[in-house]
Protein backbone atom coordinates (compact mmCIF):
# COMPACT_ATOMS: atom_id res chain seq x y z
CA MET A 1 5.84 41.36 1.28
CA ASN A 2 3.61 39.59 3.83
CA THR A 3 5.84 38.29 6.63
CA GLU A 4 3.04 36.92 8.81
CA LEU A 5 3.07 33.19 9.49
CA ASN A 6 -0.15 31.17 9.31
CA THR A 7 -1.32 29.06 12.25
CA GLU A 8 0.16 25.84 10.89
CA GLN A 9 3.56 27.48 10.35
CA VAL A 10 3.53 28.88 13.89
CA ASN A 11 2.64 25.47 15.32
CA THR A 12 5.41 23.82 13.31
CA GLN A 13 7.97 26.39 14.45
CA ASN A 14 6.91 25.83 18.07
CA LYS A 15 7.25 22.06 17.66
CA LEU A 16 10.67 22.40 16.04
CA CYS A 17 11.88 24.75 18.78
CA ALA A 18 10.72 22.32 21.48
CA LEU A 19 12.29 19.37 19.65
CA ARG A 20 15.59 21.20 19.25
CA ARG A 21 15.67 21.99 22.97
CA LYS A 22 15.31 18.26 23.69
CA MET A 23 18.00 17.49 21.10
CA ASP A 24 20.35 19.95 22.77
CA ALA A 25 19.69 18.46 26.22
CA ALA A 26 20.30 14.93 24.91
CA GLY A 27 23.42 15.84 22.96
CA VAL A 28 21.79 14.98 19.66
CA SER A 29 22.77 16.64 16.37
CA ALA A 30 19.91 15.29 14.24
CA VAL A 31 16.62 13.44 14.58
CA LEU A 32 15.21 11.05 11.96
CA ILE A 33 11.42 10.78 11.86
CA PRO A 34 10.20 7.99 9.53
CA ASN A 35 6.56 7.38 8.70
CA ALA A 36 6.37 4.17 10.71
CA ASP A 37 4.83 2.26 13.60
CA PRO A 38 5.97 -0.75 15.69
CA HIS A 39 4.53 -3.08 13.03
CA GLN A 40 6.23 -1.63 9.93
CA SER A 41 2.83 -0.70 8.49
CA GLU A 42 2.46 1.35 5.32
CA TYR A 43 -0.65 3.12 6.58
CA LEU A 44 -0.72 4.15 10.21
CA ALA A 45 -3.25 4.54 13.00
CA GLY A 46 -3.51 8.17 14.15
CA HIS A 47 -1.53 7.33 17.28
CA TRP A 48 1.55 6.68 15.14
CA GLN A 49 1.26 9.51 12.59
CA THR A 50 4.24 11.38 13.99
CA LEU A 51 5.46 12.58 10.61
CA LYS A 52 2.11 14.20 9.85
CA TRP A 53 1.94 15.79 13.31
CA LEU A 54 5.36 17.37 12.89
CA THR A 55 5.47 18.30 9.20
CA GLY A 56 1.86 18.53 7.99
CA PHE A 57 2.50 15.88 5.30
CA SER A 58 -0.19 13.18 5.21
CA GLY A 59 1.23 10.80 2.59
CA SER A 60 2.12 7.19 3.36
CA ALA A 61 5.84 7.43 2.50
CA GLY A 62 8.26 9.97 3.87
CA THR A 63 11.21 10.60 6.17
CA ALA A 64 11.88 13.85 7.98
CA VAL A 65 15.25 15.05 9.25
CA VAL A 66 15.67 17.79 11.84
CA THR A 67 19.02 19.31 12.75
CA GLN A 68 19.66 22.36 14.92
CA LYS A 69 19.53 24.61 11.84
CA GLU A 70 17.58 22.77 9.13
CA ALA A 71 14.44 20.65 8.66
CA GLY A 72 13.81 18.60 5.55
CA MET A 73 11.51 15.84 4.36
CA TRP A 74 12.11 13.23 1.68
CA THR A 75 9.31 11.55 -0.28
CA ASP A 76 9.02 9.74 -3.60
CA PHE A 77 7.46 10.68 -6.95
CA ARG A 78 3.94 9.74 -5.88
CA TYR A 79 3.89 12.54 -3.31
CA TRP A 80 6.06 15.32 -4.74
CA ILE A 81 3.15 17.58 -5.66
CA GLN A 82 1.16 16.78 -2.50
CA ALA A 83 4.12 17.38 -0.19
CA ALA A 84 4.88 20.72 -1.82
CA THR A 85 1.45 21.96 -0.75
CA GLN A 86 1.31 20.35 2.72
CA LEU A 87 4.73 20.81 4.28
CA ASN A 88 5.06 23.47 6.95
CA GLY A 89 8.53 24.65 7.94
CA PHE A 90 10.24 21.76 6.14
CA GLN A 91 12.20 21.78 2.91
CA LEU A 92 10.98 19.23 0.37
CA PHE A 93 13.55 16.84 -1.07
CA ARG A 94 12.13 15.08 -4.12
CA GLN A 95 13.52 11.61 -3.48
CA GLY A 96 14.68 9.99 -6.71
CA ASP A 97 14.82 13.26 -8.65
CA THR A 98 18.02 14.14 -10.51
CA GLY A 99 20.65 15.65 -8.26
CA ILE A 100 18.70 15.12 -5.02
CA PRO A 101 20.74 13.33 -2.33
CA THR A 102 19.16 10.64 -0.18
CA PHE A 103 18.47 11.68 3.40
CA ASP A 104 21.37 9.58 4.70
CA ARG A 105 23.76 11.06 2.14
CA TRP A 106 22.57 14.56 3.04
CA LEU A 107 23.09 13.86 6.75
CA ALA A 108 26.52 12.38 6.16
CA ASP A 109 27.50 15.57 4.31
CA THR A 110 25.93 17.82 6.96
CA LEU A 111 27.12 16.23 10.21
CA SER A 112 30.60 15.73 11.62
CA ALA A 113 32.40 12.82 13.21
CA ASN A 114 31.16 12.00 16.74
CA ASP A 115 27.77 13.62 16.07
CA CYS A 116 24.72 11.64 17.17
CA ILE A 117 21.51 10.91 15.26
CA ALA A 118 18.41 9.96 17.27
CA LEU A 119 15.99 7.44 15.79
CA ASP A 120 13.10 5.79 17.67
CA GLY A 121 13.97 2.10 17.65
CA LYS A 122 10.43 1.09 18.56
CA ILE A 123 9.13 2.13 15.15
CA VAL A 124 12.05 1.80 12.71
CA SER A 125 12.66 -1.70 11.33
CA ALA A 126 15.69 -3.64 12.49
CA ALA A 127 16.86 -3.90 8.88
CA GLN A 128 16.75 -0.15 8.26
CA ALA A 129 18.33 0.67 11.63
CA GLY A 130 21.14 -1.79 10.99
CA SER A 131 21.78 -0.36 7.54
CA LEU A 132 21.87 3.22 8.83
CA LYS A 133 24.16 2.34 11.75
CA LYS A 134 26.59 0.67 9.37
CA LYS A 135 26.58 3.58 6.89
CA PHE A 136 27.07 6.30 9.48
CA SER A 137 29.67 4.39 11.48
CA GLN A 138 31.95 4.76 8.46
CA GLN A 139 31.71 8.53 8.99
CA GLY A 140 32.23 8.25 12.75
CA ILE A 141 28.60 9.26 13.31
CA VAL A 142 26.51 7.44 15.92
CA VAL A 143 22.90 6.36 15.30
CA ASP A 144 21.15 5.98 18.67
CA THR A 145 17.90 3.99 18.43
CA THR A 146 17.13 4.15 22.16
CA MET A 147 15.73 7.70 22.14
CA ASP A 148 12.16 8.85 21.46
CA LEU A 149 12.28 12.65 21.52
CA ILE A 150 8.78 13.17 20.12
CA SER A 151 6.27 11.49 22.45
CA ASP A 152 6.64 13.96 25.33
CA LEU A 153 6.01 16.87 22.94
CA TRP A 154 2.87 15.40 21.32
CA LEU A 155 0.35 16.46 23.93
CA ASP A 156 -2.79 15.92 21.84
CA ARG A 157 -1.70 12.53 20.52
CA PRO A 158 -4.64 10.32 19.46
CA PRO A 159 -5.20 7.28 21.71
CA MET A 160 -4.53 3.74 20.57
CA PRO A 161 -7.50 2.47 18.53
CA ARG A 162 -9.88 -0.02 20.15
CA THR A 163 -12.03 -1.35 17.31
CA PRO A 164 -13.44 -4.88 17.75
CA ALA A 165 -11.60 -7.84 16.29
CA PHE A 166 -13.68 -10.31 14.29
CA GLU A 167 -13.12 -13.66 12.64
CA LEU A 168 -12.82 -14.24 8.91
CA ASP A 169 -14.51 -17.59 8.44
CA ALA A 170 -12.64 -20.33 6.61
CA VAL A 171 -15.45 -20.32 4.04
CA TYR A 172 -13.79 -17.12 2.80
CA ALA A 173 -10.20 -17.69 3.91
CA GLY A 174 -10.02 -21.19 2.45
CA GLN A 175 -7.98 -22.48 5.40
CA THR A 176 -8.52 -22.66 9.14
CA ARG A 177 -6.07 -20.95 11.46
CA LYS A 178 -4.98 -24.38 12.71
CA GLU A 179 -4.03 -25.32 9.17
CA LYS A 180 -2.04 -22.10 8.86
CA PHE A 181 -0.29 -22.70 12.19
CA SER A 182 0.71 -26.13 10.90
CA ARG A 183 2.22 -24.64 7.73
CA ILE A 184 4.17 -22.07 9.73
CA ARG A 185 5.46 -24.66 12.20
CA LYS A 186 6.63 -26.82 9.33
CA LYS A 187 8.75 -23.90 8.07
CA MET A 188 9.97 -23.26 11.62
CA ALA A 189 11.13 -26.87 11.80
CA GLU A 190 13.09 -26.42 8.58
CA TYR A 191 14.95 -23.56 10.29
CA ASN A 192 15.22 -25.51 13.54
CA ALA A 193 13.40 -22.63 15.25
CA ASP A 194 11.61 -22.86 18.59
CA CYS A 195 9.71 -19.59 18.33
CA HIS A 196 8.51 -17.28 15.56
CA VAL A 197 7.85 -13.56 16.09
CA LEU A 198 4.98 -11.92 14.22
CA ALA A 199 4.75 -8.13 14.37
CA ALA A 200 3.43 -7.14 10.91
CA LEU A 201 -0.33 -6.66 11.18
CA ASP A 202 -1.28 -8.26 7.88
CA ASP A 203 0.81 -11.33 8.73
CA ILE A 204 -1.08 -11.70 12.01
CA ALA A 205 -4.47 -11.04 10.40
CA TRP A 206 -3.82 -13.73 7.76
CA THR A 207 -2.35 -16.28 10.17
CA PHE A 208 -5.09 -15.99 12.78
CA ASN A 209 -8.01 -15.42 10.34
CA LEU A 210 -8.79 -12.22 12.23
CA ARG A 211 -9.75 -8.82 10.92
CA GLY A 212 -10.41 -5.41 12.49
CA GLU A 213 -10.52 -1.68 11.80
CA ASP A 214 -7.62 -0.32 13.83
CA ILE A 215 -6.10 1.35 10.76
CA HIS A 216 -8.32 3.36 8.43
CA THR A 217 -9.38 1.19 5.42
CA ASN A 218 -6.94 -1.57 6.48
CA PRO A 219 -8.83 -4.48 8.12
CA VAL A 220 -6.24 -5.29 10.80
CA ASN A 221 -5.84 -5.28 14.57
CA LEU A 222 -2.88 -3.77 16.42
CA SER A 223 -1.27 -6.88 17.85
CA PHE A 224 1.82 -9.05 18.17
CA ALA A 225 2.12 -12.83 18.20
CA LEU A 226 4.58 -15.52 19.24
CA VAL A 227 4.25 -18.95 17.65
CA PHE A 228 5.97 -21.77 19.53
CA MET A 229 5.96 -25.45 18.63
CA ASP A 230 3.65 -26.23 21.56
CA LYS A 231 1.75 -22.99 22.18
CA ILE A 232 0.66 -19.72 20.57
CA SER A 233 0.45 -16.30 22.19
CA LEU A 234 -1.55 -13.38 20.77
CA PHE A 235 -0.94 -9.94 22.26
CA ILE A 236 -3.93 -7.67 21.67
CA ASP A 237 -6.06 -5.20 23.62
CA GLN A 238 -8.43 -7.67 25.27
CA ALA A 239 -11.31 -5.20 25.09
CA LYS A 240 -11.31 -5.86 21.34
CA VAL A 241 -11.99 -9.57 21.78
CA SER A 242 -15.59 -10.59 22.48
CA THR A 243 -16.34 -13.46 24.83
CA ALA A 244 -17.42 -15.64 21.91
CA LEU A 245 -14.29 -14.89 19.89
CA GLY A 246 -12.11 -15.45 22.95
CA THR A 247 -13.69 -18.87 23.46
CA THR A 248 -13.04 -19.77 19.81
CA LEU A 249 -9.42 -18.68 19.99
CA ASP A 250 -8.92 -20.59 23.23
CA ALA A 251 -10.32 -23.74 21.60
CA ASP A 252 -7.64 -23.38 18.92
CA GLY A 253 -4.89 -23.27 21.54
CA ILE A 254 -4.31 -19.50 21.48
CA ASP A 255 -3.43 -17.73 24.73
CA LEU A 256 -4.45 -14.07 24.87
CA PHE A 257 -2.33 -11.38 26.50
CA ASP A 258 -2.50 -7.59 26.58
CA TYR A 259 -0.84 -5.74 23.70
CA ASN A 260 2.03 -4.26 25.74
CA ALA A 261 2.72 -7.59 27.47
CA PHE A 262 4.54 -8.57 24.27
CA TYR A 263 7.57 -6.56 25.32
CA ASP A 264 7.75 -8.43 28.63
CA ALA A 265 7.31 -11.75 26.84
CA ILE A 266 10.30 -11.26 24.52
CA GLN A 267 12.45 -10.18 27.47
CA ASN A 268 11.55 -13.44 29.22
CA LEU A 269 12.42 -15.78 26.36
CA ASP A 270 14.71 -18.61 27.37
CA LYS A 271 18.37 -18.06 26.54
CA GLU A 272 18.50 -21.23 24.44
CA THR A 273 15.41 -20.33 22.39
CA ARG A 274 16.01 -20.14 18.65
CA VAL A 275 13.83 -17.32 17.38
CA LEU A 276 12.77 -16.98 13.74
CA LEU A 277 12.15 -13.36 12.74
CA ASP A 278 12.34 -11.08 9.73
CA PRO A 279 14.44 -7.93 10.34
CA GLU A 280 12.31 -6.12 7.74
CA ARG A 281 9.13 -6.78 9.73
CA VAL A 282 10.13 -6.23 13.35
CA SER A 283 11.34 -3.06 15.02
CA ASP A 284 14.94 -2.51 15.98
CA PHE A 285 13.89 -2.44 19.63
CA VAL A 286 12.34 -5.90 19.39
CA TYR A 287 15.36 -7.23 17.52
CA GLN A 288 17.82 -5.88 20.08
CA VAL A 289 15.86 -7.22 23.05
CA ILE A 290 15.70 -10.74 21.57
CA ASP A 291 19.29 -10.64 20.33
CA LYS A 292 20.55 -10.08 23.89
CA ARG A 293 18.63 -13.06 25.28
CA SER A 294 18.11 -15.66 22.55
CA ASN A 295 19.47 -16.96 19.27
CA ILE A 296 18.03 -15.16 16.23
CA ILE A 297 17.38 -16.87 12.90
CA GLU A 298 16.90 -14.20 10.24
CA ALA A 299 14.52 -15.19 7.45
CA PRO A 300 11.35 -13.89 5.78
CA ASN A 301 8.16 -14.56 7.70
CA PRO A 302 6.64 -17.77 6.26
CA SER A 303 3.23 -16.05 6.23
CA VAL A 304 4.47 -13.45 3.72
CA LEU A 305 4.81 -15.95 0.91
CA PHE A 306 1.88 -18.08 2.08
CA LYS A 307 -0.63 -15.22 2.00
CA CYS A 308 0.50 -13.72 -1.32
CA VAL A 309 -0.28 -17.01 -3.09
CA LYS A 310 -4.07 -17.17 -3.03
CA ASN A 311 -5.68 -20.56 -2.51
CA GLU A 312 -8.45 -21.93 -4.70
CA VAL A 313 -11.23 -20.82 -2.33
CA GLU A 314 -9.85 -17.26 -2.25
CA ILE A 315 -9.43 -17.21 -6.03
CA SER A 316 -13.03 -18.28 -6.54
CA HIS A 317 -14.20 -15.46 -4.27
CA ILE A 318 -11.92 -12.95 -6.02
CA ARG A 319 -13.45 -13.82 -9.38
CA ASP A 320 -16.94 -13.21 -7.99
CA THR A 321 -15.83 -10.00 -6.30
CA ALA A 322 -14.44 -8.69 -9.58
CA VAL A 323 -17.96 -8.85 -11.04
CA LYS A 324 -19.60 -7.19 -8.03
CA ASP A 325 -17.05 -4.42 -7.91
CA GLY A 326 -17.18 -3.96 -11.66
CA ARG A 327 -20.91 -3.35 -11.49
CA ALA A 328 -20.42 -0.76 -8.76
CA VAL A 329 -17.79 1.10 -10.81
CA VAL A 330 -19.82 0.96 -14.03
CA ASN A 331 -22.88 2.27 -12.19
CA PHE A 332 -20.68 5.09 -10.92
CA LEU A 333 -19.25 5.93 -14.34
CA HIS A 334 -22.75 5.91 -15.82
CA TRP A 335 -23.89 8.34 -13.12
CA LEU A 336 -20.82 10.49 -13.71
CA CYS A 337 -21.44 10.73 -17.44
CA THR A 338 -25.24 10.99 -17.54
CA SER A 339 -26.46 12.68 -14.36
CA ASP A 340 -27.23 16.39 -14.61
CA ALA A 341 -26.69 16.93 -10.89
CA PRO A 342 -23.79 19.23 -9.92
CA LYS A 343 -20.71 17.19 -9.07
CA THR A 344 -17.44 17.70 -7.24
CA GLU A 345 -14.51 15.42 -6.48
CA ILE A 346 -15.76 14.72 -2.97
CA CYS A 347 -19.35 14.01 -3.95
CA ALA A 348 -18.07 11.68 -6.68
CA ALA A 349 -16.28 9.62 -4.02
CA GLU A 350 -19.45 9.56 -1.92
CA GLN A 351 -21.50 8.38 -4.87
CA LEU A 352 -19.11 5.54 -5.71
CA LEU A 353 -19.19 4.43 -2.08
CA LYS A 354 -23.00 4.25 -2.27
CA PHE A 355 -22.78 1.95 -5.28
CA ARG A 356 -20.24 -0.29 -3.55
CA LYS A 357 -22.42 -0.52 -0.43
CA GLU A 358 -25.13 -2.05 -2.63
CA GLN A 359 -22.87 -5.05 -3.31
CA ALA A 360 -23.02 -8.19 -1.17
CA ALA A 361 -20.33 -8.67 1.49
CA PHE A 362 -18.94 -5.13 1.10
CA ILE A 363 -17.26 -3.89 4.29
CA HIS A 364 -15.49 -0.60 3.52
CA PRO A 365 -13.17 1.02 0.93
CA SER A 366 -9.73 -0.53 0.59
CA PHE A 367 -8.25 3.00 0.58
CA ASP A 368 -9.55 6.54 0.37
CA SER A 369 -10.80 7.01 -3.18
CA ILE A 370 -8.74 9.22 -5.46
CA MET A 371 -11.14 11.44 -7.38
CA ALA A 372 -8.92 13.81 -9.30
CA PHE A 373 -10.10 16.38 -11.83
CA LYS A 374 -7.95 18.54 -14.12
CA GLU A 375 -4.48 19.20 -12.71
CA HIS A 376 -5.29 17.15 -9.61
CA SER A 377 -5.16 14.00 -11.73
CA ALA A 378 -1.40 14.52 -12.09
CA ILE A 379 -1.04 14.02 -8.31
CA CYS A 380 -0.64 10.25 -7.96
CA HIS A 381 -2.19 9.94 -4.48
CA TYR A 382 -4.39 13.03 -4.49
CA SER A 383 -7.00 13.23 -1.75
CA ALA A 384 -9.75 15.81 -2.19
CA GLN A 385 -10.30 18.08 0.80
CA PRO A 386 -13.04 20.70 1.26
CA GLU A 387 -10.55 23.46 0.42
CA THR A 388 -9.34 21.68 -2.76
CA ASP A 389 -12.63 20.10 -3.90
CA LEU A 390 -13.01 20.97 -7.58
CA PRO A 391 -16.40 21.08 -9.31
CA LEU A 392 -16.51 18.74 -12.30
CA SER A 393 -17.14 20.19 -15.75
CA PRO A 394 -17.01 18.85 -19.32
CA ASP A 395 -13.63 20.30 -20.20
CA ALA A 396 -10.91 18.17 -18.66
CA MET A 397 -9.57 14.74 -17.70
CA PHE A 398 -10.90 12.96 -14.62
CA LEU A 399 -9.02 10.13 -12.87
CA THR A 400 -10.79 7.78 -10.47
CA ASP A 401 -8.72 5.29 -8.45
CA SER A 402 -10.64 3.32 -5.85
CA GLY A 403 -11.17 -0.06 -4.29
CA GLY A 404 -13.29 -2.06 -1.91
CA ASN A 405 -12.73 -4.45 0.94
CA TYR A 406 -15.26 -7.27 0.81
CA LEU A 407 -15.43 -10.43 2.88
CA THR A 408 -14.78 -12.02 -0.50
CA GLY A 409 -11.64 -10.06 -1.40
CA THR A 410 -10.00 -6.70 -1.93
CA THR A 411 -10.23 -4.65 -5.14
CA ASP A 412 -8.24 -1.83 -6.72
CA ILE A 413 -9.19 -0.18 -10.02
CA THR A 414 -8.29 3.02 -11.85
CA ARG A 415 -9.97 4.55 -14.86
CA THR A 416 -9.36 7.87 -16.57
CA LEU A 417 -11.93 9.61 -18.73
CA HIS A 418 -12.61 12.96 -20.29
CA LEU A 419 -15.86 14.63 -19.39
CA GLY A 420 -15.97 16.52 -22.69
CA ALA A 421 -13.95 16.61 -25.92
CA PRO A 422 -10.34 15.44 -25.38
CA THR A 423 -7.39 17.08 -27.12
CA SER A 424 -5.16 15.21 -29.55
CA GLN A 425 -2.39 15.11 -26.92
CA GLU A 426 -4.74 13.65 -24.31
CA ILE A 427 -5.86 10.97 -26.78
CA ARG A 428 -2.27 10.16 -27.67
CA ASP A 429 -1.21 9.94 -24.03
CA TYR A 430 -4.20 7.78 -23.08
CA THR A 431 -3.51 5.40 -25.95
CA LEU A 432 0.15 5.07 -24.95
CA VAL A 433 -0.85 4.21 -21.37
CA LEU A 434 -3.39 1.71 -22.72
CA LYS A 435 -0.70 0.10 -24.86
CA ALA A 436 1.47 -0.21 -21.74
CA HIS A 437 -1.45 -1.79 -19.89
CA ILE A 438 -2.08 -4.28 -22.70
CA ALA A 439 1.62 -5.20 -22.81
CA VAL A 440 1.34 -6.46 -19.22
CA ALA A 441 -2.12 -7.99 -19.65
CA THR A 442 -0.93 -10.11 -22.58
CA ALA A 443 2.51 -10.97 -21.20
CA ARG A 444 3.70 -14.55 -21.17
CA PHE A 445 6.81 -15.21 -19.16
CA PRO A 446 8.91 -18.04 -17.71
CA ALA A 447 8.26 -19.18 -14.14
CA THR A 448 11.64 -17.70 -13.19
CA ALA A 449 10.57 -14.14 -14.16
CA ARG A 450 10.72 -11.29 -11.67
CA GLY A 451 8.41 -8.30 -11.46
CA TYR A 452 10.99 -5.82 -12.72
CA GLN A 453 11.11 -7.68 -16.03
CA ILE A 454 7.36 -7.27 -16.50
CA ASP A 455 7.61 -3.63 -15.42
CA ALA A 456 9.97 -2.97 -18.34
CA MET A 457 7.40 -4.43 -20.76
CA ALA A 458 4.90 -1.76 -19.71
CA ARG A 459 7.34 1.13 -19.99
CA ARG A 460 8.65 0.24 -23.44
CA HIS A 461 5.87 2.05 -25.32
CA LEU A 462 6.34 5.19 -23.24
CA TRP A 463 10.12 5.10 -23.34
CA GLN A 464 10.04 5.06 -27.13
CA GLN A 465 8.30 8.45 -26.96
CA GLY A 466 10.64 9.85 -24.31
CA LEU A 467 7.97 9.42 -21.61
CA ASP A 468 7.85 7.57 -18.29
CA PHE A 469 6.05 7.38 -14.94
CA GLY A 470 7.59 7.50 -11.47
CA HIS A 471 5.74 4.69 -9.68
CA GLY A 472 5.74 0.94 -10.09
CA THR A 473 3.58 -0.76 -12.68
CA GLY A 474 1.91 -2.96 -10.09
CA HIS A 475 1.75 -4.15 -6.50
CA GLY A 476 0.44 -7.20 -4.70
CA VAL A 477 -3.11 -7.16 -3.30
CA GLY A 478 -4.28 -8.93 -0.14
CA PHE A 479 -7.43 -11.00 0.34
CA PHE A 480 -9.73 -8.81 2.42
CA LEU A 481 -6.50 -7.32 3.70
CA CYS A 482 -4.09 -4.54 2.80
CA VAL A 483 -4.48 -3.24 -0.75
CA HIS A 484 -0.67 -3.08 -0.99
CA GLU A 485 0.82 -6.47 -0.23
CA GLY A 486 4.32 -7.87 -0.70
CA PRO A 487 6.61 -9.38 -1.49
CA ALA A 488 6.08 -9.54 -5.28
CA ARG A 489 5.47 -6.40 -7.30
CA LEU A 490 5.84 -5.07 -10.83
CA SER A 491 8.42 -2.37 -10.34
CA ALA A 492 11.77 -1.16 -11.60
CA PHE A 493 13.03 -1.91 -8.10
CA PRO A 494 14.84 -5.26 -8.42
CA VAL A 495 12.87 -7.39 -5.94
CA ASP A 496 14.26 -10.92 -6.19
CA ILE A 497 10.92 -12.72 -5.90
CA ALA A 498 9.76 -14.93 -8.77
CA LEU A 499 6.18 -14.46 -9.90
CA GLY A 500 4.16 -17.59 -9.25
CA PRO A 501 0.66 -18.98 -9.81
CA GLY A 502 -1.85 -17.59 -7.33
CA MET A 503 -0.20 -14.19 -6.90
CA LEU A 504 -2.65 -11.29 -7.22
CA LEU A 505 -1.16 -8.06 -8.59
CA THR A 506 -2.20 -4.79 -10.17
CA ASN A 507 -1.41 -3.61 -13.68
CA GLU A 508 -1.40 0.20 -13.54
CA PRO A 509 0.92 2.13 -15.83
CA GLY A 510 0.40 5.87 -15.99
CA LEU A 511 1.52 9.19 -17.41
CA TYR A 512 1.46 12.50 -15.55
CA ARG A 513 1.84 16.04 -16.85
CA GLU A 514 2.21 18.26 -13.79
CA GLY A 515 -0.26 21.15 -13.73
CA GLN A 516 -2.28 19.66 -16.61
CA TYR A 517 -3.57 16.10 -16.16
CA GLY A 518 -2.66 12.54 -15.29
CA ILE A 519 -3.69 9.20 -16.78
CA ARG A 520 -3.63 5.80 -15.07
CA LEU A 521 -5.35 2.58 -16.15
CA GLU A 522 -5.47 -0.19 -13.56
CA ASN A 523 -6.79 -3.74 -13.47
CA MET A 524 -5.98 -6.52 -11.05
CA VAL A 525 -4.39 -9.64 -12.54
CA LEU A 526 -3.83 -13.15 -11.24
CA VAL A 527 -0.72 -15.12 -12.16
CA ILE A 528 -1.76 -18.47 -13.66
CA LYS A 529 -0.10 -21.35 -15.48
CA ASP A 530 0.27 -20.92 -19.24
CA ARG A 531 2.07 -23.97 -20.64
CA ASP A 532 5.16 -26.13 -20.43
CA THR A 533 7.65 -26.13 -23.28
CA GLN A 534 11.11 -27.57 -23.86
CA PHE A 535 12.37 -24.25 -22.42
CA GLY A 536 10.51 -24.63 -19.13
CA SER A 537 7.21 -23.64 -17.51
CA PHE A 538 5.54 -20.43 -18.64
CA LEU A 539 2.99 -18.22 -16.87
CA LYS A 540 0.50 -15.54 -17.85
CA PHE A 541 -2.06 -13.23 -16.25
CA GLU A 542 -5.79 -13.74 -15.80
CA ASN A 543 -7.75 -10.49 -15.66
CA MET A 544 -9.51 -9.87 -12.33
CA THR A 545 -11.16 -6.51 -13.07
CA PHE A 546 -14.15 -5.77 -15.28
CA CYS A 547 -14.74 -2.25 -16.51
CA HIS A 548 -14.52 -0.68 -19.95
CA PHE A 549 -11.84 1.67 -21.25
CA GLU A 550 -12.77 4.93 -22.97
CA ARG A 551 -13.26 4.50 -26.71
CA ASN A 552 -13.22 8.27 -27.34
CA LEU A 553 -9.71 8.45 -25.86
CA VAL A 554 -8.26 5.68 -28.03
CA ASP A 555 -6.39 6.45 -31.25
CA LYS A 556 -7.01 3.30 -33.26
CA THR A 557 -4.12 4.09 -35.62
CA MET A 558 -1.65 3.73 -32.75
CA LEU A 559 -2.73 0.16 -32.00
CA ASN A 560 -1.63 -2.98 -33.79
CA THR A 561 -3.98 -5.85 -34.63
CA GLU A 562 -3.17 -7.83 -31.49
CA GLU A 563 -3.85 -4.82 -29.26
CA LEU A 564 -7.17 -4.07 -30.98
CA ASN A 565 -8.21 -7.71 -30.68
CA TRP A 566 -7.36 -7.69 -26.96
CA ILE A 567 -9.42 -4.55 -26.27
CA ASN A 568 -12.42 -5.83 -28.18
CA ALA A 569 -12.25 -9.26 -26.53
CA TYR A 570 -11.89 -7.64 -23.11
CA HIS A 571 -14.87 -5.38 -23.75
CA ARG A 572 -17.01 -8.35 -24.81
CA MET A 573 -16.08 -10.08 -21.56
CA VAL A 574 -16.85 -6.93 -19.52
CA TYR A 575 -20.33 -6.71 -21.02
CA GLU A 576 -21.06 -10.43 -20.68
CA ARG A 577 -20.01 -10.51 -17.00
CA LEU A 578 -21.60 -7.27 -15.84
CA ALA A 579 -24.72 -6.80 -17.97
CA PRO A 580 -26.97 -9.36 -16.19
CA GLY A 581 -26.76 -7.42 -12.93
CA LEU A 582 -27.23 -3.90 -14.32
CA ASP A 583 -30.42 -1.88 -14.67
CA THR A 584 -31.57 -1.41 -18.26
CA PRO A 585 -30.30 2.18 -18.78
CA VAL A 586 -26.86 1.28 -17.42
CA ARG A 587 -26.76 -1.97 -19.39
CA GLN A 588 -27.57 -0.13 -22.63
CA TRP A 589 -24.97 2.53 -21.85
CA LEU A 590 -22.33 -0.15 -21.17
CA GLY A 591 -23.29 -1.86 -24.41
CA HIS A 592 -22.40 1.32 -26.29
CA LYS A 593 -19.16 1.74 -24.34
CA THR A 594 -18.04 -1.80 -25.17
CA GLN A 595 -18.77 -1.76 -28.89
CA PRO A 596 -15.84 -2.95 -31.01
CA ILE A 597 -13.25 -0.32 -31.81
């Protein structure tokens, strides 16, 4: 038996030993390390990737727990396979799996009364910190959010990013920042608030019509903001703001301050100030500072609902972007299926990026492309690395999930194909996922409907066969912003947000057979008005993605007439929209792919 530890394991053991020494000195029994930053971001700048630094896990969702004797990490279905290969020195807890306790339940069972848990209050949300404090207080366990035991140990920590901020013109945004300030102040008045705290980066980007590149593939700037009734303060590294942009912001009544000056500003708020903030979108540290000095009004950020309902200018751009992005993806799929050049997962991603760069107003990918061949396609958020990069061959399933950030919108699309002759099981599975996709695409629902009700429509066809998938059916999508945007989503999680006209979501059911293959089919859809009846207003979805499905993976006998009609009508629309901008060989190839089934 080989007892030697690799370099990563040695590094992890050294980090854990150093952390445990600090825990012992501070009288701490456990440390919680969430994947988080001061802005409650899903994806993090390198400076905040503490979880990755400590555990080796690079996924976007996870929580690590370190005690004096044990180290574990919890992550959801999307990352089970990935985490199993990346974790160093940490036990994997498959969050949501049968019989697996949540991290707080595990800690409650592991610790004793009067033990202390350390949690960095500058990165954990006020809502989560409050929930954990309440749960553990019932066990006599203290959660201390004033301690950061990691920073002093992270000697090679990446610096804070300093990418330039730039303006998103109202010709794309559809509203000026002054118009958005007015909308927010109107909501503040309804709450009788004097000040509104903005810490979430996409909220600030939308409100101020600013974009940046501080987080990989997320066009945001690290910043904070305070909106008062008579003034507005933006806290951002001033080196990111050009003289011209600074002049423009000043003309709109925006005062600029350094990023870290935000913490001084909230400590200097007047005692009578009524502050509107969302505990889900500010850190516990920020919440506690304001709570000691001012009166807090807890409510969702107005910008959250404002930005998820796209305006008519944005919708017009999104429709145009769907065509541009569709042409890029079809060009890619044509290359994938017809080029004789040797291909791998990584070179496939590079080729798709080249096709997207040919499209007008393209800025960068909206996330790192998932190019997953064979068993890799069963890993929901697989990311090819040089050591895992599989060569493509005509004998297995290939899943491609990608998107683009354009000045004219954000895209997200997944297609699955077989590079050779599919098996009967692969055809059956693909057809079931397609049926689930069609169930959402054709859904009509009352204006009171929630996303979890639509999610169940997608799963019905899989459930009837004893099958399921572990992620949501769909998420919100920003406008040249984060590819994952709240608050609405199509998920089994019971989010109490009604779907409404103007919301942009994805429709992406899947099916994953670990060690074999995975299938996911994703389009973006826009919620639009359907009709009014004596039973109320009804809504439906407008398709916002154009790319064919794979005819050789469809079992026609498993589809009913309505489903066949939908596929054929969709394929006609794909060809009509995309063909005029395609070269002749690609156009002819797409014509074959979109022939009636």
